C-alpha cells in the first residue's frame, strides 16, 4: 500500500553506485552508512507490513462486532415486542374475565 509512495527500496540503495571524484568521500564510510540506511528501510517495510496485517485483522474484528451488535439489538427488539404481546394477551384475558363476570353476574340476578 505505502510502497508505491516510497521512492527507494533497500535493493535500490544497495545497488546505487556513485561516480568517484578525486576529492570524493571515503567509499568505506559511505558504504557503512548506506548499510545502516538499508537496514532501516528493511525494518520500516517489515513494520509497515505487520501494521497492515494488524489493521486488516482489526477491521475484520470490527465488522464482526458490528454484526453481533446489530443481531443483539434485533434480539432485544424481538424480546420487547414479545413481552408487549404477552402483556396484551394477559390484558385481554383479564378484560374478558371481567366481562364474563359482568355478563354472567347480570344473568344470575
N, C-alpha and C. Protein backbone atom coordinates (compact mmCIF):
# COMPACT_ATOMS: atom_id res chain seq x y z
N UNK A 1 0.82 -1.19 0.00
CA UNK A 1 0.00 0.00 0.00
C UNK A 1 0.87 1.26 0.00
N UNK A 2 1.75 1.37 0.98
CA UNK A 2 2.60 2.54 1.08
C UNK A 2 3.83 2.43 0.19
N UNK A 3 4.15 1.22 -0.24
CA UNK A 3 5.35 1.03 -1.03
C UNK A 3 5.30 1.81 -2.34
N UNK A 4 4.14 2.11 -2.85
CA UNK A 4 4.04 2.88 -4.08
C UNK A 4 4.40 4.34 -3.85
N UNK A 5 4.40 4.80 -2.61
CA UNK A 5 4.75 6.18 -2.28
C UNK A 5 6.21 6.34 -1.90
N UNK A 6 6.93 5.23 -1.77
CA UNK A 6 8.33 5.25 -1.36
C UNK A 6 9.20 5.15 -2.61
N UNK A 7 10.15 6.06 -2.74
CA UNK A 7 10.98 6.11 -3.93
C UNK A 7 12.06 5.03 -3.97
N UNK A 8 12.65 4.72 -2.85
CA UNK A 8 13.77 3.79 -2.82
C UNK A 8 13.42 2.54 -2.04
N UNK A 9 13.88 1.42 -2.57
CA UNK A 9 13.77 0.16 -1.83
C UNK A 9 15.14 -0.13 -1.25
N UNK A 10 15.22 -1.06 -0.31
CA UNK A 10 16.54 -1.42 0.20
C UNK A 10 17.47 -1.89 -0.93
N UNK A 11 16.91 -2.58 -1.92
CA UNK A 11 17.73 -3.07 -3.03
C UNK A 11 18.25 -1.89 -3.87
N UNK A 12 17.41 -0.85 -4.07
CA UNK A 12 17.85 0.33 -4.82
C UNK A 12 19.04 1.00 -4.15
N UNK A 13 18.98 1.09 -2.83
CA UNK A 13 20.07 1.72 -2.08
C UNK A 13 21.33 0.86 -2.18
N UNK A 14 21.15 -0.44 -2.06
CA UNK A 14 22.29 -1.35 -2.11
C UNK A 14 22.99 -1.28 -3.47
N UNK A 15 22.23 -1.19 -4.53
CA UNK A 15 22.80 -1.24 -5.88
C UNK A 15 23.23 0.13 -6.42
N UNK A 16 22.96 1.20 -5.69
CA UNK A 16 23.33 2.54 -6.15
C UNK A 16 24.84 2.68 -6.19
N UNK A 17 25.36 3.17 -7.30
CA UNK A 17 26.80 3.41 -7.43
C UNK A 17 27.00 4.88 -7.77
N UNK A 18 28.00 5.46 -7.13
CA UNK A 18 28.33 6.86 -7.35
C UNK A 18 29.62 6.97 -8.13
N UNK A 19 29.74 8.05 -8.86
CA UNK A 19 30.99 8.30 -9.59
C UNK A 19 32.05 8.71 -8.58
N UNK A 20 33.26 8.26 -8.82
CA UNK A 20 34.36 8.57 -7.91
C UNK A 20 35.05 9.83 -8.41
N UNK A 21 35.23 10.77 -7.50
CA UNK A 21 35.90 12.02 -7.80
C UNK A 21 37.20 12.05 -7.00
N UNK A 22 38.14 12.83 -7.42
CA UNK A 22 39.41 12.89 -6.71
C UNK A 22 39.25 13.42 -5.30
N UNK A 23 38.29 14.25 -5.07
CA UNK A 23 38.03 14.78 -3.74
C UNK A 23 36.77 14.16 -3.12
N UNK A 24 36.42 13.00 -3.52
CA UNK A 24 35.18 12.36 -3.08
C UNK A 24 35.25 11.88 -1.63
N UNK A 25 34.13 11.33 -1.21
CA UNK A 25 34.02 10.77 0.13
C UNK A 25 34.75 9.44 0.21
N UNK A 26 35.03 9.01 1.41
CA UNK A 26 35.64 7.69 1.60
C UNK A 26 34.56 6.64 1.33
N UNK A 27 34.86 5.78 0.40
CA UNK A 27 33.88 4.78 -0.03
C UNK A 27 33.47 3.87 1.12
N UNK A 28 34.38 3.52 1.98
CA UNK A 28 34.06 2.62 3.09
C UNK A 28 33.04 3.26 4.03
N UNK A 29 33.20 4.55 4.33
CA UNK A 29 32.26 5.25 5.21
C UNK A 29 30.89 5.35 4.56
N UNK A 30 30.86 5.65 3.28
CA UNK A 30 29.59 5.76 2.55
C UNK A 30 28.89 4.41 2.55
N UNK A 31 29.64 3.35 2.26
CA UNK A 31 29.05 2.01 2.26
C UNK A 31 28.50 1.63 3.63
N UNK A 32 29.22 1.94 4.69
CA UNK A 32 28.75 1.62 6.04
C UNK A 32 27.47 2.39 6.37
N UNK A 33 27.45 3.66 5.97
CA UNK A 33 26.25 4.47 6.23
C UNK A 33 25.06 3.95 5.41
N UNK A 34 25.32 3.61 4.16
CA UNK A 34 24.24 3.07 3.32
C UNK A 34 23.74 1.73 3.87
N UNK A 35 24.64 0.92 4.43
CA UNK A 35 24.22 -0.34 5.05
C UNK A 35 23.25 -0.08 6.20
N UNK A 36 23.50 0.96 6.98
CA UNK A 36 22.59 1.32 8.07
C UNK A 36 21.24 1.75 7.51
N UNK A 37 21.27 2.55 6.45
CA UNK A 37 20.03 3.02 5.81
C UNK A 37 19.24 1.83 5.26
N UNK A 38 19.93 0.90 4.63
CA UNK A 38 19.27 -0.29 4.08
C UNK A 38 18.60 -1.08 5.20
N UNK A 39 19.30 -1.25 6.31
CA UNK A 39 18.72 -1.96 7.45
C UNK A 39 17.47 -1.27 7.97
N UNK A 40 17.53 0.07 8.03
CA UNK A 40 16.36 0.83 8.48
C UNK A 40 15.20 0.66 7.51
N UNK A 41 15.47 0.72 6.22
CA UNK A 41 14.41 0.56 5.23
C UNK A 41 13.76 -0.81 5.35
N UNK A 42 14.60 -1.85 5.49
CA UNK A 42 14.05 -3.19 5.65
C UNK A 42 13.18 -3.28 6.89
N UNK A 43 13.63 -2.65 7.97
CA UNK A 43 12.84 -2.64 9.22
C UNK A 43 11.53 -1.88 9.01
N UNK A 44 11.59 -0.74 8.31
CA UNK A 44 10.38 0.03 8.04
C UNK A 44 9.38 -0.79 7.24
N UNK A 45 9.86 -1.47 6.20
CA UNK A 45 8.97 -2.31 5.39
C UNK A 45 8.35 -3.41 6.24
N UNK A 46 9.14 -4.00 7.09
CA UNK A 46 8.63 -5.05 7.98
C UNK A 46 7.56 -4.50 8.92
N UNK A 47 7.82 -3.35 9.51
CA UNK A 47 6.86 -2.72 10.42
C UNK A 47 5.57 -2.37 9.67
N UNK A 48 5.72 -1.80 8.50
CA UNK A 48 4.54 -1.41 7.71
C UNK A 48 3.70 -2.64 7.37
N UNK A 49 4.35 -3.71 6.93
CA UNK A 49 3.61 -4.93 6.58
C UNK A 49 2.90 -5.51 7.80
N UNK A 50 3.58 -5.52 8.95
CA UNK A 50 2.97 -6.03 10.17
C UNK A 50 1.76 -5.19 10.56
N UNK A 51 1.91 -3.87 10.48
CA UNK A 51 0.79 -2.98 10.84
C UNK A 51 -0.37 -3.11 9.87
N UNK A 52 -0.07 -3.31 8.60
CA UNK A 52 -1.13 -3.51 7.60
C UNK A 52 -1.93 -4.77 7.91
N UNK A 53 -1.21 -5.86 8.25
CA UNK A 53 -1.90 -7.11 8.60
C UNK A 53 -2.75 -6.91 9.85
N UNK A 54 -2.19 -6.23 10.84
CA UNK A 54 -2.93 -5.99 12.08
C UNK A 54 -4.16 -5.13 11.81
N UNK A 55 -4.01 -4.14 10.95
CA UNK A 55 -5.14 -3.28 10.60
C UNK A 55 -6.25 -4.09 9.94
N UNK A 56 -5.89 -4.97 9.02
CA UNK A 56 -6.88 -5.81 8.35
C UNK A 56 -7.61 -6.71 9.36
N UNK A 57 -6.84 -7.29 10.29
CA UNK A 57 -7.46 -8.15 11.31
C UNK A 57 -8.41 -7.34 12.19
N UNK A 58 -8.01 -6.13 12.56
CA UNK A 58 -8.86 -5.29 13.40
C UNK A 58 -10.12 -4.85 12.66
N UNK A 59 -9.98 -4.53 11.39
CA UNK A 59 -11.16 -4.16 10.59
C UNK A 59 -12.13 -5.34 10.49
N UNK A 60 -11.58 -6.53 10.32
CA UNK A 60 -12.43 -7.73 10.27
C UNK A 60 -13.13 -7.93 11.61
N UNK A 61 -12.40 -7.74 12.70
CA UNK A 61 -13.00 -7.88 14.04
C UNK A 61 -14.07 -6.82 14.27
N UNK A 62 -13.83 -5.60 13.80
CA UNK A 62 -14.82 -4.53 13.94
C UNK A 62 -16.09 -4.90 13.18
N UNK A 63 -15.94 -5.43 11.97
CA UNK A 63 -17.11 -5.82 11.19
C UNK A 63 -17.90 -6.92 11.91
N UNK A 64 -17.18 -7.89 12.49
CA UNK A 64 -17.86 -8.96 13.23
C UNK A 64 -18.59 -8.40 14.45
N UNK A 65 -17.94 -7.49 15.17
CA UNK A 65 -18.57 -6.91 16.36
C UNK A 65 -19.78 -6.06 16.00
N UNK A 66 -19.69 -5.34 14.89
CA UNK A 66 -20.85 -4.56 14.43
C UNK A 66 -22.02 -5.48 14.09
N UNK A 67 -21.72 -6.61 13.44
CA UNK A 67 -22.78 -7.56 13.11
C UNK A 67 -23.39 -8.14 14.37
N UNK A 68 -22.54 -8.48 15.36
CA UNK A 68 -23.05 -9.00 16.63
C UNK A 68 -23.92 -7.96 17.32
N UNK A 69 -23.51 -6.69 17.27
CA UNK A 69 -24.31 -5.62 17.88
C UNK A 69 -25.66 -5.49 17.20
N UNK A 70 -25.66 -5.55 15.86
CA UNK A 70 -26.93 -5.48 15.13
C UNK A 70 -27.84 -6.65 15.52
N UNK A 71 -27.26 -7.84 15.61
CA UNK A 71 -28.04 -9.01 16.00
C UNK A 71 -28.59 -8.87 17.42
N UNK A 72 -27.76 -8.36 18.33
CA UNK A 72 -28.20 -8.18 19.71
C UNK A 72 -29.33 -7.16 19.79
N UNK A 73 -29.19 -6.05 19.05
CA UNK A 73 -30.26 -5.04 19.03
C UNK A 73 -31.55 -5.64 18.48
N UNK A 74 -31.42 -6.44 17.44
CA UNK A 74 -32.60 -7.06 16.85
C UNK A 74 -33.25 -8.02 17.86
N UNK A 75 -32.42 -8.79 18.57
CA UNK A 75 -32.95 -9.71 19.57
C UNK A 75 -33.64 -8.97 20.70
N UNK A 76 -33.09 -7.81 21.10
CA UNK A 76 -33.73 -7.01 22.14
C UNK A 76 -35.08 -6.51 21.67
N UNK A 77 -35.14 -6.05 20.43
CA UNK A 77 -36.42 -5.57 19.88
C UNK A 77 -37.44 -6.71 19.80
N UNK A 78 -36.98 -7.86 19.38
CA UNK A 78 -37.89 -9.02 19.31
C UNK A 78 -38.39 -9.36 20.70
N UNK A 79 -37.49 -9.33 21.69
CA UNK A 79 -37.89 -9.63 23.07
C UNK A 79 -38.87 -8.59 23.59
N UNK A 80 -38.63 -7.33 23.28
CA UNK A 80 -39.55 -6.26 23.72
C UNK A 80 -40.93 -6.46 23.09
N UNK A 81 -40.93 -6.76 21.81
CA UNK A 81 -42.22 -6.96 21.13
C UNK A 81 -42.92 -8.18 21.67
N UNK A 82 -42.20 -9.23 21.98
CA UNK A 82 -42.81 -10.44 22.54
C UNK A 82 -43.41 -10.16 23.90
N UNK A 83 -42.70 -9.41 24.72
CA UNK A 83 -43.21 -9.07 26.06
C UNK A 83 -44.47 -8.24 25.96
N UNK A 84 -44.48 -7.26 25.05
CA UNK A 84 -45.67 -6.41 24.94
C UNK A 84 -46.85 -7.21 24.41
N UNK A 85 -46.62 -8.19 23.54
CA UNK A 85 -47.72 -9.03 23.06
C UNK A 85 -48.26 -9.89 24.19
N UNK A 86 -47.35 -10.44 25.00
CA UNK A 86 -47.80 -11.24 26.13
C UNK A 86 -48.61 -10.39 27.11
N UNK A 87 -48.13 -9.20 27.33
CA UNK A 87 -48.87 -8.30 28.23
C UNK A 87 -50.23 -7.97 27.62
N UNK A 88 -50.25 -7.79 26.33
CA UNK A 88 -51.51 -7.51 25.66
C UNK A 88 -52.44 -8.70 25.80
N UNK A 89 -51.94 -9.90 25.63
CA UNK A 89 -52.77 -11.11 25.78
C UNK A 89 -53.28 -11.23 27.21
N UNK A 90 -52.43 -10.95 28.17
CA UNK A 90 -52.85 -11.00 29.58
C UNK A 90 -53.94 -9.97 29.84
N UNK A 91 -53.73 -8.78 29.31
CA UNK A 91 -54.74 -7.74 29.48
C UNK A 91 -56.07 -8.16 28.85
N UNK A 92 -56.01 -8.77 27.68
CA UNK A 92 -57.24 -9.22 27.01
C UNK A 92 -57.93 -10.29 27.85
N UNK A 93 -57.15 -11.22 28.40
CA UNK A 93 -57.73 -12.27 29.24
C UNK A 93 -58.39 -11.67 30.49
N UNK A 94 -57.77 -10.68 31.09
CA UNK A 94 -58.36 -10.03 32.27
C UNK A 94 -59.65 -9.32 31.90
N UNK A 95 -59.61 -8.61 30.79
CA UNK A 95 -60.81 -7.90 30.37
C UNK A 95 -61.94 -8.88 30.05
N UNK A 96 -61.58 -9.95 29.38
CA UNK A 96 -62.58 -10.95 29.04
C UNK A 96 -63.17 -11.58 30.30
N UNK A 97 -62.31 -11.88 31.25
CA UNK A 97 -62.77 -12.44 32.52
C UNK A 97 -63.69 -11.45 33.24
N UNK A 98 -63.31 -10.19 33.23
CA UNK A 98 -64.13 -9.16 33.88
C UNK A 98 -65.49 -9.04 33.18
N UNK A 99 -65.47 -9.08 31.85
CA UNK A 99 -66.73 -9.01 31.10
C UNK A 99 -67.60 -10.24 31.37
N UNK A 100 -67.00 -11.41 31.48
CA UNK A 100 -67.77 -12.62 31.78
C UNK A 100 -68.45 -12.49 33.14
N UNK A 101 -67.71 -11.94 34.10
CA UNK A 101 -68.29 -11.76 35.42
C UNK A 101 -69.47 -10.80 35.36
N UNK A 102 -69.32 -9.74 34.57
CA UNK A 102 -70.42 -8.78 34.46
C UNK A 102 -71.62 -9.43 33.76
N UNK A 103 -71.35 -10.11 32.64
CA UNK A 103 -72.44 -10.72 31.88
C UNK A 103 -73.11 -11.82 32.68
N UNK A 104 -72.37 -12.74 33.23
CA UNK A 104 -72.95 -13.83 33.98
C UNK A 104 -73.52 -13.36 35.30
N UNK A 105 -72.94 -12.29 35.83
CA UNK A 105 -73.48 -11.74 37.07
C UNK A 105 -74.87 -11.17 36.83
N UNK A 106 -75.08 -10.55 35.66
CA UNK A 106 -76.37 -9.98 35.33
C UNK A 106 -77.38 -11.08 35.06
N UNK A 107 -76.93 -12.17 34.43
CA UNK A 107 -77.84 -13.27 34.14
C UNK A 107 -78.32 -13.91 35.41
N UNK A 108 -77.48 -14.01 36.47
CA UNK A 108 -77.85 -14.68 37.69
C UNK A 108 -78.84 -13.85 38.50
N UNK A 109 -78.80 -12.56 38.39
CA UNK A 109 -79.71 -11.75 39.18
C UNK A 109 -80.99 -11.47 38.54
